[in-house]
C-alpha atoms as a PDB file:
ATOM      1  CA  MET A   1       0.149   0.198   0.100  1.00  0.00           C
ATOM      2  CA  SER A   2       1.530   3.225  -1.131  1.00  0.00           C
ATOM      3  CA  LYS A   3       1.834   5.985   2.186  1.00  0.00           C
ATOM      4  CA  MET A   4       1.956   8.615  -0.160  1.00  0.00           C
ATOM      5  CA  LEU A   5      -1.980   7.915  -0.825  1.00  0.00           C
ATOM      6  CA  GLN A   6      -3.347   6.401   1.969  1.00  0.00           C
ATOM      7  CA  GLU A   7      -1.998   9.742   3.887  1.00  0.00           C
ATOM      8  CA  TYR A   8      -4.414  12.086   0.481  1.00  0.00           C
ATOM      9  CA  VAL A   9      -6.692  10.112   1.279  1.00  0.00           C
ATOM     10  CA  GLU A  10      -7.207   9.585   5.525  1.00  0.00           C
ATOM     11  CA  THR A  11      -7.202  13.541   5.333  1.00  0.00           C
ATOM     12  CA  LEU A  12      -9.061  15.083   3.657  1.00  0.00           C
ATOM     13  CA  LYS A  13     -11.507  11.613   5.203  1.00  0.00           C
ATOM     14  CA  SER A  14     -10.245  13.851   7.987  1.00  0.00           C
ATOM     15  CA  GLN A  15     -11.696  16.709   5.842  1.00  0.00           C
ATOM     16  CA  GLY A  16     -14.293  15.294   5.842  1.00  0.00           C
ATOM     17  CA  LYS A  17     -14.963  15.074   1.799  1.00  0.00           C
ATOM     18  CA  ILE A  18     -14.029  11.115   1.191  1.00  0.00           C
ATOM     19  CA  ILE A  19     -17.451   9.546   2.444  1.00  0.00           C
ATOM     20  CA  LYS A  20     -15.343   5.855   0.798  1.00  0.00           C
ATOM     21  CA  ALA A  21     -12.041   4.619   0.087  1.00  0.00           C
ATOM     22  CA  ILE A  22     -11.565   1.779  -1.366  1.00  0.00           C
ATOM     23  CA  VAL A  23      -7.096   1.334  -0.297  1.00  0.00           C
ATOM     24  CA  ILE A  24      -5.225  -0.741  -2.490  1.00  0.00           C
ATOM     25  CA  GLY A  25      -1.630   0.026  -3.647  1.00  0.00           C
ATOM     26  CA  ARG A  26      -1.301   2.505  -6.321  1.00  0.00           C
ATOM     27  CA  PHE A  27      -4.804   3.177  -6.153  1.00  0.00           C
ATOM     28  CA  ALA A  28      -8.645   3.879  -4.379  1.00  0.00           C
ATOM     29  CA  LEU A  29     -11.296   4.122  -5.390  1.00  0.00           C
ATOM     30  CA  VAL A  30     -13.633   6.763  -3.412  1.00  0.00           C
ATOM     31  CA  ARG A  31     -17.166   8.116  -3.273  1.00  0.00           C
ATOM     32  CA  THR A  32     -17.281  11.462  -2.955  1.00  0.00           C
ATOM     33  CA  LYS A  33     -21.074  14.058  -2.097  1.00  0.00           C
ATOM     34  CA  ASN A  34     -21.338  13.658  -5.820  1.00  0.00           C
ATOM     35  CA  ASN A  35     -18.574  11.900  -6.810  1.00  0.00           C
ATOM     36  CA  LEU A  36     -17.100   8.485  -6.951  1.00  0.00           C
ATOM     37  CA  LYS A  37     -13.364   8.613  -8.597  1.00  0.00           C
ATOM     38  CA  LEU A  38     -10.251   6.636  -8.955  1.00  0.00           C
ATOM     39  CA  VAL A  39      -7.314   8.065  -7.232  1.00  0.00           C
ATOM     40  CA  TYR A  40      -3.960   7.391  -8.186  1.00  0.00           C
ATOM     41  CA  GLU A  41      -0.442   7.892  -7.309  1.00  0.00           C
ATOM     42  CA  VAL A  42       2.160   8.244 -10.419  1.00  0.00           C
ATOM     43  CA  ASN A  43       5.546  10.077 -11.182  1.00  0.00           C
ATOM     44  CA  ARG A  44       5.958  13.033 -13.313  1.00  0.00           C
ATOM     45  CA  ASN A  45       9.190  14.236 -13.690  1.00  0.00           C
ATOM     46  CA  ASN A  46      10.583  12.369 -10.840  1.00  0.00           C
ATOM     47  CA  GLN A  47       7.857  13.044  -8.506  1.00  0.00           C
ATOM     48  CA  THR A  48       5.941  11.108  -7.268  1.00  0.00           C
ATOM     49  CA  ILE A  49       1.851  12.696  -7.137  1.00  0.00           C
ATOM     50  CA  ILE A  50      -1.788  11.924  -6.266  1.00  0.00           C
ATOM     51  CA  ASP A  51      -3.923  11.972  -9.810  1.00  0.00           C
ATOM     52  CA  GLU A  52      -7.464  11.833  -9.698  1.00  0.00           C
ATOM     53  CA  VAL A  53     -10.027  10.756 -12.025  1.00  0.00           C
ATOM     54  CA  ASN A  54     -14.343  10.866 -12.060  1.00  0.00           C
ATOM     55  CA  VAL A  55     -15.774   7.375 -13.505  1.00  0.00           C
ATOM     56  CA  THR A  56     -18.900   6.075 -13.034  1.00  0.00           C
ATOM     57  CA  LYS A  57     -19.727   2.541 -11.979  1.00  0.00           C
ATOM     58  CA  GLU A  58     -19.700   1.348 -15.620  1.00  0.00           C
ATOM     59  CA  ASP A  59     -15.740   2.521 -15.978  1.00  0.00           C
ATOM     60  CA  ILE A  60     -15.335   0.350 -13.031  1.00  0.00           C
ATOM     61  CA  ALA A  61     -16.963  -2.108 -14.261  1.00  0.00           C
ATOM     62  CA  SER A  62     -14.930  -2.476 -17.523  1.00  0.00           C
ATOM     63  CA  ILE A  63     -11.543  -2.397 -15.689  1.00  0.00           C
ATOM     64  CA  TYR A  64     -13.070  -4.966 -13.730  1.00  0.00           C
ATOM     65  CA  LEU A  65     -13.704  -7.397 -16.754  1.00  0.00           C
ATOM     66  CA  ILE A  66     -10.492  -6.143 -18.065  1.00  0.00           C
ATOM     67  CA  THR A  67      -8.827  -7.296 -14.978  1.00  0.00           C
ATOM     68  CA  VAL A  68     -10.283 -11.034 -15.405  1.00  0.00           C
ATOM     69  CA  GLU A  69      -9.804 -11.531 -18.454  1.00  0.00           C
ATOM     70  CA  TYR A  70      -5.760 -10.510 -17.745  1.00  0.00           C
ATOM     71  CA  LEU A  71      -6.221 -12.627 -14.855  1.00  0.00           C
ATOM     72  CA  ASN A  72      -7.753 -15.608 -16.305  1.00  0.00           C
ATOM     73  CA  ASN A  73      -3.477 -15.984 -18.677  1.00  0.00           C
ATOM     74  CA  ASN A  74      -5.363 -14.883 -22.160  1.00  0.00           C
ATOM     75  CA  GLN A  75      -2.264 -15.455 -23.833  1.00  0.00           C
ATOM     76  CA  GLU A  76      -3.550 -12.267 -26.437  1.00  0.00           C
ATOM     77  CA  THR A  77      -3.541 -10.317 -22.838  1.00  0.00           C
ATOM     78  CA  ASN A  78      -0.893 -11.708 -21.805  1.00  0.00           C
ATOM     79  CA  GLN A  79       1.599  -9.558 -24.353  1.00  0.00           C
ATOM     80  CA  LEU A  80      -0.698  -6.691 -24.085  1.00  0.00           C
ATOM     81  CA  ILE A  81       0.084  -5.748 -20.292  1.00  0.00           C
ATOM     82  CA  PRO A  82       4.124  -6.853 -19.271  1.00  0.00           C
END
């Protein structure tokens, strides 16, 4: 689990900006009052930053299906993702 991301999420929770969050590794799925967000840690220009993108339930379902396909050891998918 990313300590930086965990601290970021905990700070937003303590400020009341996050209703619920699930943090796994460098990614977090965050529910706010108005949105569902995928928050992630990324390295840019030799700096680690936290970025986010608004997502829908359909987006999350799509990410899940892509992940399941990859983990099912599909040879085509494994060639696409190292």
